[in-house]
């Protein structure tokens, strides 16, 4: 591409929102970009900050449409910036950043007994109303001699990466199970999550007592009833 052509392309590119550029890359690659999908590999260096600025501008429009005086009200003058930063850099971060690095160790001692990690505090958001989902997660692993073992804190890191997206609880737990299964290749994997849903507590019926509990069982946890009972019984003792 010659220099004048490059300059014209850059000038044409100037007015295109960064969200549109990212979306077009995803569409060209025929990649899904649902609320709970990670799209990090389609975001180029420097674009995350541009995306946050774009979200800030659009949130300011939302506040204007809600008839909130963001110029005269000192409490909301910086709200659009704060909320944009919260969405992009914090609560939805799992959509925009790559999977965290996790050190894996070979199972040198050929461990093959049940291991349980938890409770891990997890935070997500309901994709229907963008309200918080906050709860506890337990992970049970039955390794084999070929399994990769990961450090205790890495379970929490991977869980946070998967959970920091808008989604429903059932899909979040299944996606985390897929990730751990791929990473560790154990004989069995069991996950249980119990959470409060603020889309039910803060709005709608406003029921503050109900929680949602769901589980995902893989491998020997599906086949071996006694192992499944042992896992669930240990959870009850530790609760």
C-alpha atoms as a PDB file:
ATOM      1  CA  UNK A   1       0.000   0.000   0.000  1.00  0.00           C
ATOM      2  CA  UNK A   2       1.523   3.354  -1.059  1.00  0.00           C
ATOM      3  CA  UNK A   3       1.721   6.307   1.323  1.00  0.00           C
ATOM      4  CA  UNK A   4      -1.267   8.335  -0.042  1.00  0.00           C
ATOM      5  CA  UNK A   5      -3.471   5.210   0.061  1.00  0.00           C
ATOM      6  CA  UNK A   6      -2.388   4.515   3.630  1.00  0.00           C
ATOM      7  CA  UNK A   7      -3.204   8.095   4.644  1.00  0.00           C
ATOM      8  CA  UNK A   8      -6.659   7.887   3.034  1.00  0.00           C
ATOM      9  CA  UNK A   9      -7.361   4.599   4.804  1.00  0.00           C
ATOM     10  CA  UNK A  10      -6.283   6.118   8.134  1.00  0.00           C
ATOM     11  CA  UNK A  11      -8.502   9.165   7.561  1.00  0.00           C
ATOM     12  CA  UNK A  12     -11.507   6.983   6.711  1.00  0.00           C
ATOM     13  CA  UNK A  13     -10.822   4.872   9.772  1.00  0.00           C
ATOM     14  CA  UNK A  14     -10.807   7.892  12.063  1.00  0.00           C
ATOM     15  CA  UNK A  15     -14.558   8.210  12.506  1.00  0.00           C
ATOM     16  CA  UNK A  16     -15.295   4.489  12.975  1.00  0.00           C
ATOM     17  CA  UNK A  17     -16.183   3.524  16.587  1.00  0.00           C
ATOM     18  CA  UNK A  18     -13.790   0.973  18.043  1.00  0.00           C
ATOM     19  CA  UNK A  19     -16.725  -1.292  18.962  1.00  0.00           C
ATOM     20  CA  UNK A  20     -17.633  -1.466  15.253  1.00  0.00           C
ATOM     21  CA  UNK A  21     -14.063  -2.397  14.290  1.00  0.00           C
ATOM     22  CA  UNK A  22     -13.994  -5.212  16.859  1.00  0.00           C
ATOM     23  CA  UNK A  23     -17.441  -6.417  15.808  1.00  0.00           C
ATOM     24  CA  UNK A  24     -16.435  -6.492  12.129  1.00  0.00           C
ATOM     25  CA  UNK A  25     -13.358  -8.593  12.942  1.00  0.00           C
ATOM     26  CA  UNK A  26     -15.550 -11.056  14.817  1.00  0.00           C
ATOM     27  CA  UNK A  27     -18.046 -11.227  11.974  1.00  0.00           C
ATOM     28  CA  UNK A  28     -15.325 -11.742   9.344  1.00  0.00           C
ATOM     29  CA  UNK A  29     -13.947 -14.610  11.428  1.00  0.00           C
ATOM     30  CA  UNK A  30     -17.502 -15.974  11.889  1.00  0.00           C
ATOM     31  CA  UNK A  31     -16.953 -15.906  15.640  1.00  0.00           C
ATOM     32  CA  UNK A  32     -19.776 -15.650  18.159  1.00  0.00           C
ATOM     33  CA  UNK A  33     -19.773 -12.662  20.520  1.00  0.00           C
ATOM     34  CA  UNK A  34     -22.527 -13.447  23.003  1.00  0.00           C
ATOM     35  CA  UNK A  35     -22.462 -11.744  26.390  1.00  0.00           C
ATOM     36  CA  UNK A  36     -20.499 -14.592  28.011  1.00  0.00           C
ATOM     37  CA  UNK A  37     -17.957 -15.071  25.175  1.00  0.00           C
ATOM     38  CA  UNK A  38     -14.330 -14.017  25.469  1.00  0.00           C
ATOM     39  CA  UNK A  39     -13.342 -11.766  22.545  1.00  0.00           C
ATOM     40  CA  UNK A  40      -9.834 -10.803  23.690  1.00  0.00           C
ATOM     41  CA  UNK A  41      -8.029 -12.054  20.587  1.00  0.00           C
ATOM     42  CA  UNK A  42     -10.046  -9.668  18.398  1.00  0.00           C
ATOM     43  CA  UNK A  43      -9.046  -6.595  20.421  1.00  0.00           C
ATOM     44  CA  UNK A  44      -5.854  -4.852  19.335  1.00  0.00           C
ATOM     45  CA  UNK A  45      -3.390  -3.081  21.673  1.00  0.00           C
ATOM     46  CA  UNK A  46      -4.769   0.245  22.897  1.00  0.00           C
ATOM     47  CA  UNK A  47      -8.352  -0.494  21.858  1.00  0.00           C
ATOM     48  CA  UNK A  48      -9.608  -1.431  25.316  1.00  0.00           C
ATOM     49  CA  UNK A  49      -9.102   2.120  26.539  1.00  0.00           C
ATOM     50  CA  UNK A  50     -10.853   3.452  23.413  1.00  0.00           C
ATOM     51  CA  UNK A  51     -13.724   1.051  24.069  1.00  0.00           C
ATOM     52  CA  UNK A  52     -14.030   2.302  27.644  1.00  0.00           C
ATOM     53  CA  UNK A  53     -14.183   5.897  26.379  1.00  0.00           C
ATOM     54  CA  UNK A  54     -16.871   4.945  23.850  1.00  0.00           C
ATOM     55  CA  UNK A  55     -18.934   3.211  26.549  1.00  0.00           C
ATOM     56  CA  UNK A  56     -18.565   6.309  28.730  1.00  0.00           C
ATOM     57  CA  UNK A  57     -19.990   8.559  25.990  1.00  0.00           C
ATOM     58  CA  UNK A  58     -22.945   6.261  25.429  1.00  0.00           C
ATOM     59  CA  UNK A  59     -23.653   5.914  29.145  1.00  0.00           C
ATOM     60  CA  UNK A  60     -23.759   9.689  29.378  1.00  0.00           C
ATOM     61  CA  UNK A  61     -26.532   9.537  26.776  1.00  0.00           C
ATOM     62  CA  UNK A  62     -28.388   6.955  28.866  1.00  0.00           C
ATOM     63  CA  UNK A  63     -28.199   9.224  31.924  1.00  0.00           C
ATOM     64  CA  UNK A  64     -29.454  12.132  29.834  1.00  0.00           C
ATOM     65  CA  UNK A  65     -32.391  10.013  28.659  1.00  0.00           C
ATOM     66  CA  UNK A  66     -33.154   9.182  32.292  1.00  0.00           C
ATOM     67  CA  UNK A  67     -33.425  12.964  32.857  1.00  0.00           C
ATOM     68  CA  UNK A  68     -30.476  13.039  35.254  1.00  0.00           C
ATOM     69  CA  UNK A  69     -28.636  16.346  35.388  1.00  0.00           C
ATOM     70  CA  UNK A  70     -25.030  15.144  35.044  1.00  0.00           C
ATOM     71  CA  UNK A  71     -23.740  18.713  34.812  1.00  0.00           C
ATOM     72  CA  UNK A  72     -25.472  20.285  37.821  1.00  0.00           C
ATOM     73  CA  UNK A  73     -25.598  17.206  40.097  1.00  0.00           C
ATOM     74  CA  UNK A  74     -22.151  16.779  41.652  1.00  0.00           C
ATOM     75  CA  UNK A  75     -22.971  13.158  42.533  1.00  0.00           C
ATOM     76  CA  UNK A  76     -23.435  12.112  38.886  1.00  0.00           C
ATOM     77  CA  UNK A  77     -20.934  14.325  37.057  1.00  0.00           C
ATOM     78  CA  UNK A  78     -18.436  11.442  36.853  1.00  0.00           C
ATOM     79  CA  UNK A  79     -20.887   8.524  36.909  1.00  0.00           C
ATOM     80  CA  UNK A  80     -20.609   7.638  33.203  1.00  0.00           C
ATOM     81  CA  UNK A  81     -16.815   7.345  33.485  1.00  0.00           C
ATOM     82  CA  UNK A  82     -17.010   5.263  36.658  1.00  0.00           C
ATOM     83  CA  UNK A  83     -19.603   2.865  35.237  1.00  0.00           C
ATOM     84  CA  UNK A  84     -17.746   2.474  31.919  1.00  0.00           C
ATOM     85  CA  UNK A  85     -14.544   1.634  33.805  1.00  0.00           C
ATOM     86  CA  UNK A  86     -16.456  -0.797  36.019  1.00  0.00           C
ATOM     87  CA  UNK A  87     -17.935  -2.671  33.053  1.00  0.00           C
ATOM     88  CA  UNK A  88     -14.857  -2.837  30.833  1.00  0.00           C
ATOM     89  CA  UNK A  89     -12.044  -3.160  33.396  1.00  0.00           C
ATOM     90  CA  UNK A  90     -13.771  -4.974  36.246  1.00  0.00           C
ATOM     91  CA  UNK A  91     -17.135  -6.751  36.215  1.00  0.00           C
ATOM     92  CA  UNK A  92     -17.064  -7.757  32.507  1.00  0.00           C
ATOM     93  CA  UNK A  93     -13.277  -8.057  32.324  1.00  0.00           C
ATOM     94  CA  UNK A  94     -13.503 -11.767  31.489  1.00  0.00           C
ATOM     95  CA  UNK A  95     -14.815 -10.850  28.032  1.00  0.00           C
ATOM     96  CA  UNK A  96     -11.927  -8.573  27.086  1.00  0.00           C
ATOM     97  CA  UNK A  97      -8.716 -10.071  28.485  1.00  0.00           C
ATOM     98  CA  UNK A  98      -6.985 -13.377  27.644  1.00  0.00           C
ATOM     99  CA  UNK A  99      -7.146 -16.398  29.923  1.00  0.00           C
ATOM    100  CA  UNK A 100      -4.833 -15.853  32.919  1.00  0.00           C
ATOM    101  CA  UNK A 101      -1.573 -17.829  32.892  1.00  0.00           C
ATOM    102  CA  UNK A 102      -1.754 -20.911  35.100  1.00  0.00           C
ATOM    103  CA  UNK A 103       1.245 -22.970  36.163  1.00  0.00           C
ATOM    104  CA  UNK A 104       0.617 -26.701  35.800  1.00  0.00           C
ATOM    105  CA  UNK A 105       2.474 -29.483  37.593  1.00  0.00           C
ATOM    106  CA  UNK A 106       2.751 -33.150  36.583  1.00  0.00           C
ATOM    107  CA  UNK A 107       1.126 -35.634  38.963  1.00  0.00           C
ATOM    108  CA  UNK A 108       4.492 -37.110  40.012  1.00  0.00           C
ATOM    109  CA  UNK A 109       3.080 -38.892  43.075  1.00  0.00           C
ATOM    110  CA  UNK A 110       0.213 -40.383  41.013  1.00  0.00           C
ATOM    111  CA  UNK A 111      -2.401 -38.886  43.328  1.00  0.00           C
ATOM    112  CA  UNK A 112      -5.802 -40.449  42.738  1.00  0.00           C
ATOM    113  CA  UNK A 113      -7.864 -39.365  45.748  1.00  0.00           C
ATOM    114  CA  UNK A 114     -10.693 -36.853  45.856  1.00  0.00           C
ATOM    115  CA  UNK A 115      -9.575 -33.213  46.179  1.00  0.00           C
ATOM    116  CA  UNK A 116     -12.001 -30.399  46.999  1.00  0.00           C
ATOM    117  CA  UNK A 117     -11.304 -26.691  46.577  1.00  0.00           C
ATOM    118  CA  UNK A 118     -13.645 -24.110  48.056  1.00  0.00           C
ATOM    119  CA  UNK A 119     -15.634 -22.265  48.888  1.00  0.00           C
ATOM    120  CA  UNK A 120     -14.374 -19.752  46.314  1.00  0.00           C
ATOM    121  CA  UNK A 121     -16.254 -16.444  46.312  1.00  0.00           C
ATOM    122  CA  UNK A 122     -17.477 -15.758  42.776  1.00  0.00           C
ATOM    123  CA  UNK A 123     -19.045 -12.653  41.255  1.00  0.00           C
ATOM    124  CA  UNK A 124     -20.868 -12.471  37.969  1.00  0.00           C
ATOM    125  CA  UNK A 125     -23.795 -10.611  36.403  1.00  0.00           C
ATOM    126  CA  UNK A 126     -27.140 -11.738  35.052  1.00  0.00           C
ATOM    127  CA  UNK A 127     -27.213 -11.155  31.292  1.00  0.00           C
ATOM    128  CA  UNK A 128     -30.958 -10.394  31.454  1.00  0.00           C
ATOM    129  CA  UNK A 129     -30.764  -7.330  33.719  1.00  0.00           C
ATOM    130  CA  UNK A 130     -26.993  -6.860  34.321  1.00  0.00           C
ATOM    131  CA  UNK A 131     -27.603  -7.293  38.051  1.00  0.00           C
ATOM    132  CA  UNK A 132     -24.973  -8.948  40.283  1.00  0.00           C
ATOM    133  CA  UNK A 133     -24.760 -12.679  40.925  1.00  0.00           C
ATOM    134  CA  UNK A 134     -22.651 -13.292  44.031  1.00  0.00           C
ATOM    135  CA  UNK A 135     -22.026 -16.667  45.581  1.00  0.00           C
ATOM    136  CA  UNK A 136     -19.750 -19.556  46.497  1.00  0.00           C
ATOM    137  CA  UNK A 137     -18.194 -22.251  44.334  1.00  0.00           C
ATOM    138  CA  UNK A 138     -16.815 -25.685  45.246  1.00  0.00           C
ATOM    139  CA  UNK A 139     -14.684 -27.779  42.903  1.00  0.00           C
ATOM    140  CA  UNK A 140     -14.063 -31.501  43.286  1.00  0.00           C
ATOM    141  CA  UNK A 141     -11.301 -33.218  41.304  1.00  0.00           C
ATOM    142  CA  UNK A 142     -10.427 -36.895  40.879  1.00  0.00           C
ATOM    143  CA  UNK A 143      -6.974 -36.814  39.269  1.00  0.00           C
ATOM    144  CA  UNK A 144      -5.181 -39.641  37.521  1.00  0.00           C
ATOM    145  CA  UNK A 145      -1.469 -40.259  36.965  1.00  0.00           C
ATOM    146  CA  UNK A 146      -1.552 -38.237  33.726  1.00  0.00           C
ATOM    147  CA  UNK A 147      -3.489 -35.263  35.137  1.00  0.00           C
ATOM    148  CA  UNK A 148      -1.983 -31.791  35.319  1.00  0.00           C
ATOM    149  CA  UNK A 149      -2.290 -30.303  38.806  1.00  0.00           C
ATOM    150  CA  UNK A 150      -2.701 -26.548  39.280  1.00  0.00           C
ATOM    151  CA  UNK A 151      -1.984 -24.331  42.280  1.00  0.00           C
ATOM    152  CA  UNK A 152      -4.782 -23.597  44.736  1.00  0.00           C
ATOM    153  CA  UNK A 153      -5.031 -19.888  43.909  1.00  0.00           C
ATOM    154  CA  UNK A 154      -5.261 -20.665  40.186  1.00  0.00           C
ATOM    155  CA  UNK A 155      -8.720 -22.209  40.626  1.00  0.00           C
ATOM    156  CA  UNK A 156      -9.894 -18.817  41.901  1.00  0.00           C
ATOM    157  CA  UNK A 157      -8.207 -16.986  39.008  1.00  0.00           C
ATOM    158  CA  UNK A 158      -9.788 -19.175  36.366  1.00  0.00           C
ATOM    159  CA  UNK A 159     -13.170 -18.968  38.094  1.00  0.00           C
ATOM    160  CA  UNK A 160     -12.965 -15.169  38.210  1.00  0.00           C
ATOM    161  CA  UNK A 161     -12.034 -15.012  34.503  1.00  0.00           C
ATOM    162  CA  UNK A 162     -15.049 -17.109  33.505  1.00  0.00           C
ATOM    163  CA  UNK A 163     -17.465 -15.471  35.942  1.00  0.00           C
ATOM    164  CA  UNK A 164     -16.571 -11.850  35.082  1.00  0.00           C
ATOM    165  CA  UNK A 165     -19.054 -11.725  32.205  1.00  0.00           C
ATOM    166  CA  UNK A 166     -22.825 -11.248  31.836  1.00  0.00           C
ATOM    167  CA  UNK A 167     -24.411 -14.724  31.802  1.00  0.00           C
ATOM    168  CA  UNK A 168     -26.729 -17.153  33.505  1.00  0.00           C
ATOM    169  CA  UNK A 169     -25.413 -19.266  36.355  1.00  0.00           C
ATOM    170  CA  UNK A 170     -26.000 -22.637  34.692  1.00  0.00           C
ATOM    171  CA  UNK A 171     -23.915 -21.711  31.650  1.00  0.00           C
ATOM    172  CA  UNK A 172     -21.157 -20.136  33.751  1.00  0.00           C
ATOM    173  CA  UNK A 173     -20.589 -23.289  35.800  1.00  0.00           C
ATOM    174  CA  UNK A 174     -20.623 -25.517  32.696  1.00  0.00           C
ATOM    175  CA  UNK A 175     -18.094 -23.258  30.950  1.00  0.00           C
ATOM    176  CA  UNK A 176     -15.751 -23.308  33.951  1.00  0.00           C
ATOM    177  CA  UNK A 177     -16.050 -27.106  34.076  1.00  0.00           C
ATOM    178  CA  UNK A 178     -15.055 -27.295  30.383  1.00  0.00           C
ATOM    179  CA  UNK A 179     -12.009 -25.119  31.044  1.00  0.00           C
ATOM    180  CA  UNK A 180     -10.830 -27.138  34.065  1.00  0.00           C
ATOM    181  CA  UNK A 181     -11.436 -30.437  32.253  1.00  0.00           C
ATOM    182  CA  UNK A 182      -9.315 -29.261  29.333  1.00  0.00           C
ATOM    183  CA  UNK A 183      -6.570 -27.957  31.619  1.00  0.00           C
ATOM    184  CA  UNK A 184      -6.302 -30.890  34.025  1.00  0.00           C
ATOM    185  CA  UNK A 185      -7.676 -33.944  32.199  1.00  0.00           C
ATOM    186  CA  UNK A 186      -8.851 -35.589  35.452  1.00  0.00           C
ATOM    187  CA  UNK A 187     -10.858 -38.795  35.738  1.00  0.00           C
ATOM    188  CA  UNK A 188     -13.664 -36.805  37.301  1.00  0.00           C
ATOM    189  CA  UNK A 189     -14.709 -33.232  37.900  1.00  0.00           C
ATOM    190  CA  UNK A 190     -17.548 -31.839  40.035  1.00  0.00           C
ATOM    191  CA  UNK A 191     -18.617 -28.230  40.503  1.00  0.00           C
ATOM    192  CA  UNK A 192     -21.325 -26.839  42.785  1.00  0.00           C
ATOM    193  CA  UNK A 193     -22.273 -23.159  42.895  1.00  0.00           C
ATOM    194  CA  UNK A 194     -24.682 -21.440  45.284  1.00  0.00           C
ATOM    195  CA  UNK A 195     -25.478 -17.792  44.596  1.00  0.00           C
ATOM    196  CA  UNK A 196     -27.691 -14.817  45.329  1.00  0.00           C
ATOM    197  CA  UNK A 197     -29.253 -13.219  42.259  1.00  0.00           C
ATOM    198  CA  UNK A 198     -29.857  -9.497  42.594  1.00  0.00           C
ATOM    199  CA  UNK A 199     -32.150  -9.504  39.559  1.00  0.00           C
ATOM    200  CA  UNK A 200     -34.534 -11.315  41.924  1.00  0.00           C
ATOM    201  CA  UNK A 201     -33.632  -9.521  45.171  1.00  0.00           C
ATOM    202  CA  UNK A 202     -33.336  -5.950  43.883  1.00  0.00           C
ATOM    203  CA  UNK A 203     -36.236  -5.975  41.400  1.00  0.00           C
ATOM    204  CA  UNK A 204     -39.208  -8.154  40.435  1.00  0.00           C
ATOM    205  CA  UNK A 205     -40.497 -10.161  43.398  1.00  0.00           C
ATOM    206  CA  UNK A 206     -37.701  -8.773  45.628  1.00  0.00           C
ATOM    207  CA  UNK A 207     -37.200 -12.110  47.373  1.00  0.00           C
ATOM    208  CA  UNK A 208     -34.077 -11.760  49.504  1.00  0.00           C
ATOM    209  CA  UNK A 209     -34.011 -15.334  50.839  1.00  0.00           C
ATOM    210  CA  UNK A 210     -33.933 -17.459  47.676  1.00  0.00           C
ATOM    211  CA  UNK A 211     -30.649 -18.738  46.310  1.00  0.00           C
ATOM    212  CA  UNK A 212     -29.823 -20.757  43.230  1.00  0.00           C
ATOM    213  CA  UNK A 213     -27.749 -23.926  43.527  1.00  0.00           C
ATOM    214  CA  UNK A 214     -26.570 -25.887  40.518  1.00  0.00           C
ATOM    215  CA  UNK A 215     -23.961 -28.532  39.823  1.00  0.00           C
ATOM    216  CA  UNK A 216     -21.976 -29.983  36.951  1.00  0.00           C
ATOM    217  CA  UNK A 217     -20.601 -33.528  37.193  1.00  0.00           C
ATOM    218  CA  UNK A 218     -18.111 -35.029  34.746  1.00  0.00           C
ATOM    219  CA  UNK A 219     -16.418 -38.420  34.368  1.00  0.00           C
ATOM    220  CA  UNK A 220     -16.417 -40.718  37.394  1.00  0.00           C
ATOM    221  CA  UNK A 221     -18.647 -38.339  39.358  1.00  0.00           C
ATOM    222  CA  UNK A 222     -21.415 -39.216  36.905  1.00  0.00           C
ATOM    223  CA  UNK A 223     -20.786 -42.963  37.013  1.00  0.00           C
ATOM    224  CA  UNK A 224     -19.859 -43.538  40.665  1.00  0.00           C
ATOM    225  CA  UNK A 225     -22.796 -42.763  42.965  1.00  0.00           C
ATOM    226  CA  UNK A 226     -20.765 -43.304  46.152  1.00  0.00           C
ATOM    227  CA  UNK A 227     -18.095 -40.824  45.013  1.00  0.00           C
ATOM    228  CA  UNK A 228     -20.753 -38.256  44.205  1.00  0.00           C
ATOM    229  CA  UNK A 229     -22.301 -38.751  47.642  1.00  0.00           C
ATOM    230  CA  UNK A 230     -18.890 -38.400  49.316  1.00  0.00           C
ATOM    231  CA  UNK A 231     -18.271 -35.098  47.507  1.00  0.00           C
ATOM    232  CA  UNK A 232     -21.674 -33.665  48.410  1.00  0.00           C
ATOM    233  CA  UNK A 233     -21.425 -34.891  52.015  1.00  0.00           C
ATOM    234  CA  UNK A 234     -18.025 -33.190  52.453  1.00  0.00           C
ATOM    235  CA  UNK A 235     -19.517 -29.970  51.103  1.00  0.00           C
ATOM    236  CA  UNK A 236     -22.291 -30.102  53.692  1.00  0.00           C
ATOM    237  CA  UNK A 237     -19.765 -30.633  56.494  1.00  0.00           C
ATOM    238  CA  UNK A 238     -17.677 -27.705  55.327  1.00  0.00           C
ATOM    239  CA  UNK A 239     -20.623 -25.343  54.766  1.00  0.00           C
END
